[in-house]
Amino acid sequence: MDVLVVNVPPRSRSMPGDFYPEQMRYLREMIEQAGIKHVIFASSTSVYPNERQLARETDALLLETSESPGILAAEYHMQGGDFNCTVLRFGGLLGVNRVPGSYFSGKEGVAGNPPVNYIHQEDAIRLIQWVIEEGKWNEVYNAVSPLHPCRREVYEENARRMGFAPPASYAETGAWKTISADKLVEHGFEFVFQDPMKFWYQKV
């Protein structure tokens, strides 16, 4: 089976609003011309607004309220092609050499209360493999671990285990969301790393 995995570019949220969707429209045409019948679109949980809600795949999303309207529009373009397309809305891709607490070590005014929406890199790879092997096509899945400790807990646990300084201080924030992984679990995907407090990392 030929499968194409399409990834969101890292700077897509800073691009002009119609640039990335137009890229995906053009890519969709090339996919159809090439006769590819299975596509995995690696999207982002940033398509959901930050409304202090539990975000699920069944939520009605609008470009006007999305945190990343360009990525959401790109999802719509890819799902409208003449091929089977599964959308994986990835949260923060952590683990191995990506340690979330290290980015905030010693910093002031760090947002500590919001829940994390992370997935370990190993589970992310396993998820793509699972979609292909199990034939989970024409679906949308939130690709995050099932458990959501607050950022402060994760950062301080990272600091304790890895030996660097935790954030110097924390600030309140009003913007957050919790991304539900229930659909993935209900459809049979088994996480190796369910709890971001227990992700493994390489010490540098």
Protein backbone atom coordinates (compact mmCIF):
# COMPACT_ATOMS: atom_id res chain seq x y z
CA MET A 1 0.00 0.00 0.00
CA ASP A 2 1.33 3.45 -0.96
CA VAL A 3 0.91 5.90 1.93
CA LEU A 4 1.97 9.55 1.96
CA VAL A 5 2.50 11.31 5.30
CA VAL A 6 2.06 15.08 5.09
CA ASN A 7 3.43 17.17 7.94
CA VAL A 8 2.56 20.69 9.09
CA PRO A 9 5.62 22.94 8.52
CA PRO A 10 6.98 24.38 11.79
CA ARG A 11 6.34 28.01 10.82
CA SER A 12 2.86 27.51 9.37
CA ARG A 13 1.13 29.53 12.08
CA SER A 14 3.22 32.61 11.24
CA MET A 15 2.52 32.41 7.50
CA PRO A 16 -0.13 34.55 5.77
CA GLY A 17 -3.58 33.08 6.39
CA ASP A 18 -4.12 31.61 2.92
CA PHE A 19 -0.54 30.54 2.13
CA TYR A 20 -0.50 27.13 3.78
CA PRO A 21 -4.02 26.10 2.66
CA GLU A 22 -3.04 27.00 -0.91
CA GLN A 23 0.05 24.82 -0.57
CA MET A 24 -2.16 21.93 0.52
CA ARG A 25 -4.58 22.54 -2.33
CA TYR A 26 -1.70 22.27 -4.79
CA LEU A 27 -0.31 19.19 -3.00
CA ARG A 28 -3.74 17.55 -3.10
CA GLU A 29 -3.80 17.96 -6.89
CA MET A 30 -0.36 16.35 -7.19
CA ILE A 31 -1.42 13.46 -4.92
CA GLU A 32 -4.45 12.83 -7.11
CA GLN A 33 -2.39 13.01 -10.30
CA ALA A 34 0.08 10.51 -8.84
CA GLY A 35 -2.72 8.10 -7.97
CA ILE A 36 -1.86 7.91 -4.26
CA LYS A 37 -4.86 6.57 -2.39
CA HIS A 38 -3.84 6.84 1.28
CA VAL A 39 -2.67 9.99 3.05
CA ILE A 40 -1.93 10.70 6.70
CA PHE A 41 -2.10 14.42 7.42
CA ALA A 42 -0.10 15.33 10.53
CA SER A 43 -2.07 18.31 11.77
CA SER A 44 -2.02 20.09 15.13
CA THR A 45 -4.18 20.45 18.22
CA SER A 46 -3.80 24.20 17.69
CA VAL A 47 -6.83 24.00 15.38
CA TYR A 48 -8.94 24.05 18.57
CA PRO A 49 -9.63 27.39 20.27
CA ASN A 50 -8.38 27.99 23.81
CA GLU A 51 -11.68 28.14 25.68
CA ARG A 52 -10.89 26.17 28.82
CA GLN A 53 -12.68 23.19 27.31
CA LEU A 54 -12.23 19.47 26.77
CA ALA A 55 -11.57 19.39 23.02
CA ARG A 56 -12.85 16.39 21.06
CA GLU A 57 -12.72 15.40 17.40
CA THR A 58 -16.49 15.89 17.14
CA ASP A 59 -16.25 19.59 18.08
CA ALA A 60 -17.62 21.94 15.43
CA LEU A 61 -14.59 24.02 14.48
CA LEU A 62 -14.73 27.40 12.74
CA LEU A 63 -11.91 29.20 10.96
CA GLU A 64 -12.96 32.40 12.76
CA THR A 65 -12.32 30.96 16.23
CA SER A 66 -9.53 28.47 15.54
CA GLU A 67 -6.13 29.17 17.05
CA SER A 68 -4.63 28.10 13.70
CA PRO A 69 -7.18 28.77 10.95
CA GLY A 70 -4.63 28.08 8.19
CA ILE A 71 -3.98 24.57 9.48
CA LEU A 72 -7.71 23.92 9.90
CA ALA A 73 -8.35 25.06 6.33
CA ALA A 74 -5.54 22.77 5.16
CA GLU A 75 -7.26 19.85 6.92
CA TYR A 76 -10.44 20.58 4.97
CA HIS A 77 -8.52 20.67 1.67
CA MET A 78 -6.78 17.35 2.33
CA GLN A 79 -9.99 15.65 3.43
CA GLY A 80 -11.68 16.77 0.24
CA GLY A 81 -9.35 14.90 -2.09
CA ASP A 82 -9.92 11.79 -4.17
CA PHE A 83 -8.04 9.59 -1.69
CA ASN A 84 -8.40 8.20 1.82
CA CYS A 85 -7.13 10.75 4.34
CA THR A 86 -6.73 10.36 8.09
CA VAL A 87 -5.95 13.48 10.11
CA LEU A 88 -3.78 13.17 13.21
CA ARG A 89 -3.96 16.29 15.38
CA PHE A 90 -0.68 16.10 17.26
CA GLY A 91 -0.06 17.78 20.58
CA GLY A 92 3.42 18.64 21.80
CA LEU A 93 5.91 16.07 20.51
CA LEU A 94 8.15 15.33 23.50
CA GLY A 95 10.47 12.67 24.86
CA VAL A 96 14.01 11.50 24.03
CA ASN A 97 15.89 14.79 23.37
CA ARG A 98 12.88 17.09 23.64
CA VAL A 99 12.46 17.99 27.33
CA PRO A 100 9.66 20.52 27.92
CA GLY A 101 10.99 21.80 31.24
CA SER A 102 14.39 22.65 29.73
CA TYR A 103 12.82 25.38 27.57
CA PHE A 104 11.66 27.24 30.70
CA SER A 105 14.56 26.55 33.07
CA GLY A 106 15.18 29.61 35.25
CA LYS A 107 12.62 31.78 33.44
CA GLU A 108 10.20 34.19 35.11
CA GLY A 109 6.44 34.33 34.65
CA VAL A 110 6.03 30.85 33.14
CA ALA A 111 2.46 29.61 32.62
CA GLY A 112 2.27 26.74 35.08
CA ASN A 113 -1.42 25.96 35.55
CA PRO A 114 -2.62 24.90 32.08
CA PRO A 115 -2.83 21.15 31.39
CA VAL A 116 -0.27 19.69 29.01
CA ASN A 117 -1.28 18.04 25.76
CA TYR A 118 1.81 16.00 24.95
CA ILE A 119 2.61 12.79 23.12
CA HIS A 120 5.87 10.88 23.35
CA GLN A 121 7.81 10.63 20.10
CA GLU A 122 7.73 6.82 20.23
CA ASP A 123 3.93 6.79 20.53
CA ALA A 124 3.68 9.27 17.65
CA ILE A 125 5.58 6.90 15.38
CA ARG A 126 3.59 3.91 16.63
CA LEU A 127 0.36 5.79 15.95
CA ILE A 128 1.21 6.37 12.29
CA GLN A 129 2.11 2.70 11.97
CA TRP A 130 -1.18 1.72 13.68
CA VAL A 131 -3.28 3.78 11.26
CA ILE A 132 -1.63 2.04 8.31
CA GLU A 133 -1.69 -1.50 9.70
CA GLU A 134 -5.25 -1.28 11.06
CA GLY A 135 -6.63 0.57 8.05
CA LYS A 136 -7.97 3.49 10.10
CA TRP A 137 -8.73 5.68 7.10
CA ASN A 138 -10.95 8.73 6.76
CA GLU A 139 -10.78 9.43 10.48
CA VAL A 140 -9.68 12.36 12.64
CA TYR A 141 -7.75 11.56 15.82
CA ASN A 142 -6.35 13.71 18.59
CA ALA A 143 -2.76 12.49 18.97
CA VAL A 144 -2.05 13.21 22.63
CA SER A 145 -1.40 11.09 25.70
CA PRO A 146 -4.49 10.32 27.80
CA LEU A 147 -3.23 12.03 30.98
CA HIS A 148 -2.88 15.80 31.37
CA PRO A 149 -0.89 16.98 34.41
CA CYS A 150 -0.37 20.73 34.66
CA ARG A 151 2.70 22.31 33.11
CA ARG A 152 4.21 23.18 36.47
CA GLU A 153 4.19 19.53 37.54
CA VAL A 154 5.88 18.43 34.33
CA TYR A 155 8.50 21.18 34.32
CA GLU A 156 9.51 20.57 37.93
CA GLU A 157 9.62 16.81 37.45
CA ASN A 158 11.84 17.32 34.39
CA ALA A 159 14.13 19.59 36.41
CA ARG A 160 14.36 17.09 39.25
CA ARG A 161 15.14 14.14 37.00
CA MET A 162 17.43 15.92 34.54
CA GLY A 163 19.31 18.15 36.97
CA PHE A 164 18.53 21.65 35.67
CA ALA A 165 16.79 24.57 37.37
CA PRO A 166 12.98 24.73 37.31
CA PRO A 167 11.21 27.95 36.26
CA ALA A 168 12.02 30.83 38.61
CA SER A 169 8.37 31.89 38.90
CA TYR A 170 4.93 31.18 37.52
CA ALA A 171 2.09 33.35 36.21
CA GLU A 172 -1.62 32.79 35.86
CA THR A 173 -3.00 32.33 32.37
CA GLY A 174 -6.54 32.34 31.06
CA ALA A 175 -5.90 30.45 27.81
CA TRP A 176 -5.88 26.67 27.78
CA LYS A 177 -7.62 23.53 26.57
CA THR A 178 -7.47 19.84 27.38
CA ILE A 179 -7.29 17.60 24.32
CA SER A 180 -9.21 14.35 24.65
CA ALA A 181 -7.51 11.11 23.60
CA ASP A 182 -10.66 9.07 24.25
CA LYS A 183 -11.38 8.30 20.59
CA LEU A 184 -7.92 6.82 20.01
CA VAL A 185 -8.24 4.63 23.09
CA GLU A 186 -11.78 3.56 22.17
CA HIS A 187 -10.63 2.62 18.66
CA GLY A 188 -7.93 0.35 20.06
CA PHE A 189 -4.67 2.29 20.09
CA GLU A 190 -2.51 1.39 23.10
CA PHE A 191 -0.19 4.07 24.42
CA VAL A 192 3.20 3.06 25.76
CA PHE A 193 3.50 6.43 27.50
CA GLN A 194 0.15 7.48 28.94
CA ASP A 195 1.52 9.93 31.49
CA PRO A 196 3.77 12.89 30.49
CA MET A 197 5.19 12.79 34.02
CA LYS A 198 6.80 9.47 33.06
CA PHE A 199 8.16 10.23 29.60
CA TRP A 200 11.76 9.11 29.14
CA TYR A 201 14.52 11.48 28.08
CA GLN A 202 18.17 11.29 27.15
CA LYS A 203 20.55 13.18 29.39
CA VAL A 204 22.89 15.36 27.35
